Amino acid sequence: MQVLFTATVVGLSLSMGTGSTAFAQSAKAEPVRVRGALVSLNDQALSVRTREGQTVNVALAQGWTLSGVARADIADIKPGDYVGIASLPTENGEDGALEVMIFPPELKGAGEGSFGWDLKPKSTMTNATVADAVKAVDGRTVTVSYHGKEKKIAIPEGTPVVTLAPATQADLKPGATVFIPAEKGPDGVVTTQRVVVGTHGVVPPM
């Protein structure tokens, strides 16, 4: 197992955030995202009790990587930063953030774009560079740019804002909250190359 700090949601690279999976997909593989509490772990697979109440076994690909998340703040978001923001459309036509991931500089450009996401119904994930960050009368708004487009996303008070952090296999304890971008093969086997685990009271919000 390889510990991951500089790369992951997602896309999370975590492409985690990310419309494309964090690793190359085969033509018949289906991207899946596993969210829930760790049940058990061995050298080849882990078992997760998902938020839907199912138990899913996830095979660990050779060279799989692990990272944690650390709490951040909207004030940490600066013009030029690369972020992944899950959001929902609002009545005023803009998007409202569900969570924000601030990527380390070396991941800038990974999984760039805006695409459907399954955190909540009708949610999207936008991986983009911050063009501007302002405090508006109606709340906080971040303008991000990707592929020559711009998108404004409001970040309500209380929205989780996190960044990547180091983690070790010791953090993968039963009950730990995990986020796993994975692939489901035609044989039904779910496989991943990366796991994101909650540590120190901070859980993966993506």
C-alpha atoms as a PDB file:
ATOM      1  CA  MET A   1       0.000   0.000   0.000  1.00  0.00           C
ATOM      2  CA  GLN A   2       1.324   3.414  -0.919  1.00  0.00           C
ATOM      3  CA  VAL A   3       0.483   6.403   1.274  1.00  0.00           C
ATOM      4  CA  LEU A   4      -0.921   9.376  -0.662  1.00  0.00           C
ATOM      5  CA  PHE A   5      -0.733  13.027   0.274  1.00  0.00           C
ATOM      6  CA  THR A   6      -0.197  14.856  -2.981  1.00  0.00           C
ATOM      7  CA  ALA A   7      -2.851  13.087  -5.010  1.00  0.00           C
ATOM      8  CA  THR A   8      -6.288  11.620  -4.817  1.00  0.00           C
ATOM      9  CA  VAL A   9     -12.652  12.573  -4.393  1.00  0.00           C
ATOM     10  CA  VAL A  10     -12.614  13.837  -5.562  1.00  0.00           C
ATOM     11  CA  GLY A  11     -11.108  13.481  -8.372  1.00  0.00           C
ATOM     12  CA  LEU A  12      -9.580  13.606  -7.307  1.00  0.00           C
ATOM     13  CA  SER A  13      -6.595  12.978  -9.649  1.00  0.00           C
ATOM     14  CA  LEU A  14      -9.461  12.434  -6.893  1.00  0.00           C
ATOM     15  CA  SER A  15     -10.886  13.356  -9.955  1.00  0.00           C
ATOM     16  CA  MET A  16     -12.867  12.682  -6.460  1.00  0.00           C
ATOM     17  CA  GLY A  17     -14.039  14.940  -7.412  1.00  0.00           C
ATOM     18  CA  THR A  18     -14.123  14.224 -10.699  1.00  0.00           C
ATOM     19  CA  GLY A  19     -16.156  13.275 -13.603  1.00  0.00           C
ATOM     20  CA  SER A  20     -13.563  10.946 -14.893  1.00  0.00           C
ATOM     21  CA  THR A  21     -12.435   8.271 -12.490  1.00  0.00           C
ATOM     22  CA  ALA A  22      -9.100   8.650 -10.806  1.00  0.00           C
ATOM     23  CA  PHE A  23      -7.658   5.838 -12.850  1.00  0.00           C
ATOM     24  CA  ALA A  24      -7.991   4.607 -16.420  1.00  0.00           C
ATOM     25  CA  GLN A  25     -11.308   2.931 -17.056  1.00  0.00           C
ATOM     26  CA  SER A  26     -11.780  -0.026 -19.307  1.00  0.00           C
ATOM     27  CA  ALA A  27     -14.495   0.297 -21.916  1.00  0.00           C
ATOM     28  CA  LYS A  28     -16.867  -1.922 -19.948  1.00  0.00           C
ATOM     29  CA  ALA A  29     -16.108  -0.652 -16.446  1.00  0.00           C
ATOM     30  CA  GLU A  30     -18.698   1.429 -14.609  1.00  0.00           C
ATOM     31  CA  PRO A  31     -17.472   4.253 -12.358  1.00  0.00           C
ATOM     32  CA  VAL A  32     -18.861   3.980  -8.835  1.00  0.00           C
ATOM     33  CA  ARG A  33     -18.296   5.974  -5.656  1.00  0.00           C
ATOM     34  CA  VAL A  34     -18.483   4.215  -2.316  1.00  0.00           C
ATOM     35  CA  ARG A  35     -19.280   6.327   0.755  1.00  0.00           C
ATOM     36  CA  GLY A  36     -19.738   4.947   4.239  1.00  0.00           C
ATOM     37  CA  ALA A  37     -18.108   3.391   7.307  1.00  0.00           C
ATOM     38  CA  LEU A  38     -15.275   0.904   7.107  1.00  0.00           C
ATOM     39  CA  VAL A  39     -16.223  -2.557   8.334  1.00  0.00           C
ATOM     40  CA  SER A  40     -13.001  -4.477   7.751  1.00  0.00           C
ATOM     41  CA  LEU A  41      -9.719  -4.387   5.839  1.00  0.00           C
ATOM     42  CA  ASN A  42      -7.110  -6.867   4.675  1.00  0.00           C
ATOM     43  CA  ASP A  43      -4.197  -6.731   2.239  1.00  0.00           C
ATOM     44  CA  GLN A  44      -6.403  -7.267  -0.803  1.00  0.00           C
ATOM     45  CA  ALA A  45      -9.801  -5.697  -0.081  1.00  0.00           C
ATOM     46  CA  LEU A  46     -11.908  -3.690   2.303  1.00  0.00           C
ATOM     47  CA  SER A  47     -15.565  -3.849   3.271  1.00  0.00           C
ATOM     48  CA  VAL A  48     -17.729  -0.747   3.658  1.00  0.00           C
ATOM     49  CA  ARG A  49     -21.181  -0.215   5.134  1.00  0.00           C
ATOM     50  CA  THR A  50     -22.523   2.395   2.736  1.00  0.00           C
ATOM     51  CA  ARG A  51     -24.768   5.347   3.508  1.00  0.00           C
ATOM     52  CA  GLU A  52     -27.539   3.397   1.766  1.00  0.00           C
ATOM     53  CA  GLY A  53     -27.174   0.606   4.323  1.00  0.00           C
ATOM     54  CA  GLN A  54     -25.516  -1.941   2.041  1.00  0.00           C
ATOM     55  CA  THR A  55     -22.221  -3.714   2.639  1.00  0.00           C
ATOM     56  CA  VAL A  56     -19.862  -3.382  -0.323  1.00  0.00           C
ATOM     57  CA  ASN A  57     -16.591  -5.225  -0.798  1.00  0.00           C
ATOM     58  CA  VAL A  58     -13.930  -3.222  -2.633  1.00  0.00           C
ATOM     59  CA  ALA A  59     -10.831  -4.873  -4.082  1.00  0.00           C
ATOM     60  CA  LEU A  60      -7.615  -2.903  -3.659  1.00  0.00           C
ATOM     61  CA  ALA A  61      -5.637  -2.530  -6.891  1.00  0.00           C
ATOM     62  CA  GLN A  62      -1.893  -3.012  -6.857  1.00  0.00           C
ATOM     63  CA  GLY A  63      -0.193   0.160  -5.638  1.00  0.00           C
ATOM     64  CA  TRP A  64      -3.427   1.594  -4.171  1.00  0.00           C
ATOM     65  CA  THR A  65      -3.068   4.911  -2.398  1.00  0.00           C
ATOM     66  CA  LEU A  66      -4.510   6.440   0.748  1.00  0.00           C
ATOM     67  CA  SER A  67      -5.098  10.004   1.917  1.00  0.00           C
ATOM     68  CA  GLY A  68      -7.004  11.824   4.606  1.00  0.00           C
ATOM     69  CA  VAL A  69      -8.700  15.208   4.706  1.00  0.00           C
ATOM     70  CA  ALA A  70      -8.065  18.236   6.892  1.00  0.00           C
ATOM     71  CA  ARG A  71     -10.432  21.054   7.788  1.00  0.00           C
ATOM     72  CA  ALA A  72      -9.947  24.304   5.852  1.00  0.00           C
ATOM     73  CA  ASP A  73     -11.842  27.586   5.555  1.00  0.00           C
ATOM     74  CA  ILE A  74     -13.305  29.679   2.767  1.00  0.00           C
ATOM     75  CA  ALA A  75     -10.677  32.298   3.619  1.00  0.00           C
ATOM     76  CA  ASP A  76      -8.058  29.775   2.512  1.00  0.00           C
ATOM     77  CA  ILE A  77      -9.391  29.897  -1.066  1.00  0.00           C
ATOM     78  CA  LYS A  78      -7.315  32.324  -3.106  1.00  0.00           C
ATOM     79  CA  PRO A  79      -7.427  33.400  -6.775  1.00  0.00           C
ATOM     80  CA  GLY A  80      -5.484  30.843  -8.796  1.00  0.00           C
ATOM     81  CA  ASP A  81      -6.222  27.950  -6.424  1.00  0.00           C
ATOM     82  CA  TYR A  82      -7.547  24.719  -7.907  1.00  0.00           C
ATOM     83  CA  VAL A  83     -10.721  23.477  -6.237  1.00  0.00           C
ATOM     84  CA  GLY A  84     -13.368  20.785  -6.528  1.00  0.00           C
ATOM     85  CA  ILE A  85     -16.854  21.964  -5.534  1.00  0.00           C
ATOM     86  CA  ALA A  86     -19.955  19.795  -5.338  1.00  0.00           C
ATOM     87  CA  SER A  87     -23.038  21.959  -5.726  1.00  0.00           C
ATOM     88  CA  LEU A  88     -26.771  22.135  -6.393  1.00  0.00           C
ATOM     89  CA  PRO A  89     -28.670  24.640  -8.538  1.00  0.00           C
ATOM     90  CA  THR A  90     -30.436  27.412  -6.625  1.00  0.00           C
ATOM     91  CA  GLU A  91     -33.517  29.512  -7.380  1.00  0.00           C
ATOM     92  CA  ASN A  92     -31.442  32.505  -8.523  1.00  0.00           C
ATOM     93  CA  GLY A  93     -29.837  30.447 -11.288  1.00  0.00           C
ATOM     94  CA  GLU A  94     -26.450  30.087  -9.613  1.00  0.00           C
ATOM     95  CA  ASP A  95     -25.156  27.045  -7.791  1.00  0.00           C
ATOM     96  CA  GLY A  96     -24.905  26.546  -4.036  1.00  0.00           C
ATOM     97  CA  ALA A  97     -21.961  24.533  -2.708  1.00  0.00           C
ATOM     98  CA  LEU A  98     -22.440  21.287  -0.821  1.00  0.00           C
ATOM     99  CA  GLU A  99     -18.731  20.884  -0.116  1.00  0.00           C
ATOM    100  CA  VAL A 100     -15.393  22.321  -1.231  1.00  0.00           C
ATOM    101  CA  MET A 101     -12.064  20.552  -1.711  1.00  0.00           C
ATOM    102  CA  ILE A 102      -8.944  22.719  -2.042  1.00  0.00           C
ATOM    103  CA  PHE A 103      -6.406  20.748  -4.054  1.00  0.00           C
ATOM    104  CA  PRO A 104      -2.645  21.006  -3.533  1.00  0.00           C
ATOM    105  CA  PRO A 105      -0.842  22.923  -6.320  1.00  0.00           C
ATOM    106  CA  GLU A 106       0.546  19.762  -7.922  1.00  0.00           C
ATOM    107  CA  LEU A 107      -2.990  18.592  -8.738  1.00  0.00           C
ATOM    108  CA  LYS A 108      -3.954  21.735 -10.639  1.00  0.00           C
ATOM    109  CA  GLY A 109      -5.799  20.758 -13.813  1.00  0.00           C
ATOM    110  CA  ALA A 110      -6.637  17.194 -12.717  1.00  0.00           C
ATOM    111  CA  GLY A 111     -10.139  16.211 -13.774  1.00  0.00           C
ATOM    112  CA  GLU A 112     -10.936  19.750 -14.905  1.00  0.00           C
ATOM    113  CA  GLY A 113     -14.558  20.385 -15.851  1.00  0.00           C
ATOM    114  CA  SER A 114     -18.113  20.375 -14.535  1.00  0.00           C
ATOM    115  CA  PHE A 115     -20.172  17.181 -14.576  1.00  0.00           C
ATOM    116  CA  GLY A 116     -22.906  15.247 -12.850  1.00  0.00           C
ATOM    117  CA  TRP A 117     -22.174  14.058  -9.319  1.00  0.00           C
ATOM    118  CA  ASP A 118     -24.001  11.689  -7.001  1.00  0.00           C
ATOM    119  CA  LEU A 119     -23.555  13.339  -3.611  1.00  0.00           C
ATOM    120  CA  LYS A 120     -27.202  14.406  -3.829  1.00  0.00           C
ATOM    121  CA  PRO A 121     -29.820  14.241  -6.603  1.00  0.00           C
ATOM    122  CA  LYS A 122     -29.114  16.857  -9.320  1.00  0.00           C
ATOM    123  CA  SER A 123     -25.723  17.715  -7.825  1.00  0.00           C
ATOM    124  CA  THR A 124     -22.689  18.507  -9.968  1.00  0.00           C
ATOM    125  CA  MET A 125     -18.942  18.490  -9.360  1.00  0.00           C
ATOM    126  CA  THR A 126     -16.841  21.339 -10.708  1.00  0.00           C
ATOM    127  CA  ASN A 127     -13.049  21.045 -10.751  1.00  0.00           C
ATOM    128  CA  ALA A 128     -11.695  24.461 -11.674  1.00  0.00           C
ATOM    129  CA  THR A 129      -9.347  27.324 -10.955  1.00  0.00           C
ATOM    130  CA  VAL A 130     -10.570  30.119  -8.723  1.00  0.00           C
ATOM    131  CA  ALA A 131     -10.824  33.274 -10.816  1.00  0.00           C
ATOM    132  CA  ASP A 132     -12.169  35.435  -8.017  1.00  0.00           C
ATOM    133  CA  ALA A 133     -13.374  35.077  -4.433  1.00  0.00           C
ATOM    134  CA  VAL A 134     -15.541  37.802  -2.922  1.00  0.00           C
ATOM    135  CA  LYS A 135     -17.745  38.452   0.077  1.00  0.00           C
ATOM    136  CA  ALA A 136     -21.155  39.377  -1.319  1.00  0.00           C
ATOM    137  CA  VAL A 137     -24.189  40.912   0.379  1.00  0.00           C
ATOM    138  CA  ASP A 138     -26.118  37.663   0.040  1.00  0.00           C
ATOM    139  CA  GLY A 139     -23.297  35.476   1.199  1.00  0.00           C
ATOM    140  CA  ARG A 140     -19.986  34.179  -0.097  1.00  0.00           C
ATOM    141  CA  THR A 141     -19.454  33.582  -3.802  1.00  0.00           C
ATOM    142  CA  VAL A 142     -16.541  31.971  -5.638  1.00  0.00           C
ATOM    143  CA  THR A 143     -16.113  32.418  -9.381  1.00  0.00           C
ATOM    144  CA  VAL A 144     -14.236  29.528 -10.976  1.00  0.00           C
ATOM    145  CA  SER A 145     -12.988  29.009 -14.519  1.00  0.00           C
ATOM    146  CA  TYR A 146     -12.518  25.829 -16.552  1.00  0.00           C
ATOM    147  CA  HIS A 147     -12.095  25.133 -20.270  1.00  0.00           C
ATOM    148  CA  GLY A 148     -12.663  28.815 -21.050  1.00  0.00           C
ATOM    149  CA  LYS A 149     -15.941  28.959 -19.099  1.00  0.00           C
ATOM    150  CA  GLU A 150     -16.817  30.631 -15.801  1.00  0.00           C
ATOM    151  CA  LYS A 151     -19.217  29.543 -13.083  1.00  0.00           C
ATOM    152  CA  LYS A 152     -20.302  31.325  -9.911  1.00  0.00           C
ATOM    153  CA  ILE A 153     -20.910  29.161  -6.871  1.00  0.00           C
ATOM    154  CA  ALA A 154     -22.229  30.440  -3.549  1.00  0.00           C
ATOM    155  CA  ILE A 155     -20.698  28.850  -0.449  1.00  0.00           C
ATOM    156  CA  PRO A 156     -23.245  29.039   2.395  1.00  0.00           C
ATOM    157  CA  GLU A 157     -22.168  29.258   6.022  1.00  0.00           C
ATOM    158  CA  GLY A 158     -21.494  25.797   7.388  1.00  0.00           C
ATOM    159  CA  THR A 159     -20.440  24.293   4.046  1.00  0.00           C
ATOM    160  CA  PRO A 160     -17.602  21.789   4.618  1.00  0.00           C
ATOM    161  CA  VAL A 161     -14.307  23.100   3.232  1.00  0.00           C
ATOM    162  CA  VAL A 162     -11.409  20.640   3.310  1.00  0.00           C
ATOM    163  CA  THR A 163      -8.022  19.897   1.812  1.00  0.00           C
ATOM    164  CA  LEU A 164      -5.970  16.733   1.442  1.00  0.00           C
ATOM    165  CA  ALA A 165      -3.933  15.469   4.394  1.00  0.00           C
ATOM    166  CA  PRO A 166      -1.558  12.594   5.134  1.00  0.00           C
ATOM    167  CA  ALA A 167      -3.021   9.296   6.305  1.00  0.00           C
ATOM    168  CA  THR A 168      -1.669   5.845   7.125  1.00  0.00           C
ATOM    169  CA  GLN A 169      -3.188   2.400   7.124  1.00  0.00           C
ATOM    170  CA  ALA A 170      -3.562   2.738  10.897  1.00  0.00           C
ATOM    171  CA  ASP A 171      -6.315   5.280  10.168  1.00  0.00           C
ATOM    172  CA  LEU A 172      -8.345   2.596   8.412  1.00  0.00           C
ATOM    173  CA  LYS A 173     -10.072   1.374  11.556  1.00  0.00           C
ATOM    174  CA  PRO A 174     -13.551  -0.158  11.728  1.00  0.00           C
ATOM    175  CA  GLY A 175     -16.072   2.664  11.789  1.00  0.00           C
ATOM    176  CA  ALA A 176     -13.822   5.160   9.990  1.00  0.00           C
ATOM    177  CA  THR A 177     -15.640   7.200   7.327  1.00  0.00           C
ATOM    178  CA  VAL A 178     -14.315   6.590   3.823  1.00  0.00           C
ATOM    179  CA  PHE A 179     -14.854   7.870   0.299  1.00  0.00           C
ATOM    180  CA  ILE A 180     -13.743   5.538  -2.488  1.00  0.00           C
ATOM    181  CA  PRO A 181     -13.771   6.385  -6.216  1.00  0.00           C
ATOM    182  CA  ALA A 182     -13.841   2.975  -7.883  1.00  0.00           C
ATOM    183  CA  GLU A 183     -14.783   0.905 -10.920  1.00  0.00           C
ATOM    184  CA  LYS A 184     -17.306  -1.909 -11.168  1.00  0.00           C
ATOM    185  CA  GLY A 185     -16.269  -4.470 -13.754  1.00  0.00           C
ATOM    186  CA  PRO A 186     -18.585  -6.559 -15.926  1.00  0.00           C
ATOM    187  CA  ASP A 187     -18.064  -9.382 -13.411  1.00  0.00           C
ATOM    188  CA  GLY A 188     -19.534  -7.193 -10.656  1.00  0.00           C
ATOM    189  CA  VAL A 189     -16.228  -6.773  -8.822  1.00  0.00           C
ATOM    190  CA  VAL A 190     -15.636  -3.264  -7.439  1.00  0.00           C
ATOM    191  CA  THR A 191     -11.974  -2.185  -7.564  1.00  0.00           C
ATOM    192  CA  THR A 192     -10.193   0.974  -6.470  1.00  0.00           C
ATOM    193  CA  GLN A 193      -6.755   2.526  -6.663  1.00  0.00           C
ATOM    194  CA  ARG A 194      -7.388   5.085  -3.916  1.00  0.00           C
ATOM    195  CA  VAL A 195      -9.159   5.485  -0.604  1.00  0.00           C
ATOM    196  CA  VAL A 196      -9.897   8.721   1.263  1.00  0.00           C
ATOM    197  CA  VAL A 197     -10.414   8.316   5.013  1.00  0.00           C
ATOM    198  CA  GLY A 198     -11.631  10.661   7.708  1.00  0.00           C
ATOM    199  CA  THR A 199      -9.119  11.473  10.450  1.00  0.00           C
ATOM    200  CA  HIS A 200      -9.087  13.661  13.560  1.00  0.00           C
ATOM    201  CA  GLY A 201     -12.830  14.221  13.400  1.00  0.00           C
ATOM    202  CA  VAL A 202     -12.805  15.447   9.784  1.00  0.00           C
ATOM    203  CA  VAL A 203     -14.697  13.212   7.349  1.00  0.00           C
ATOM    204  CA  PRO A 204     -14.551  13.204   3.528  1.00  0.00           C
ATOM    205  CA  PRO A 205     -17.541  15.407   2.577  1.00  0.00           C
ATOM    206  CA  MET A 206     -17.506  14.524  -1.113  1.00  0.00           C
END
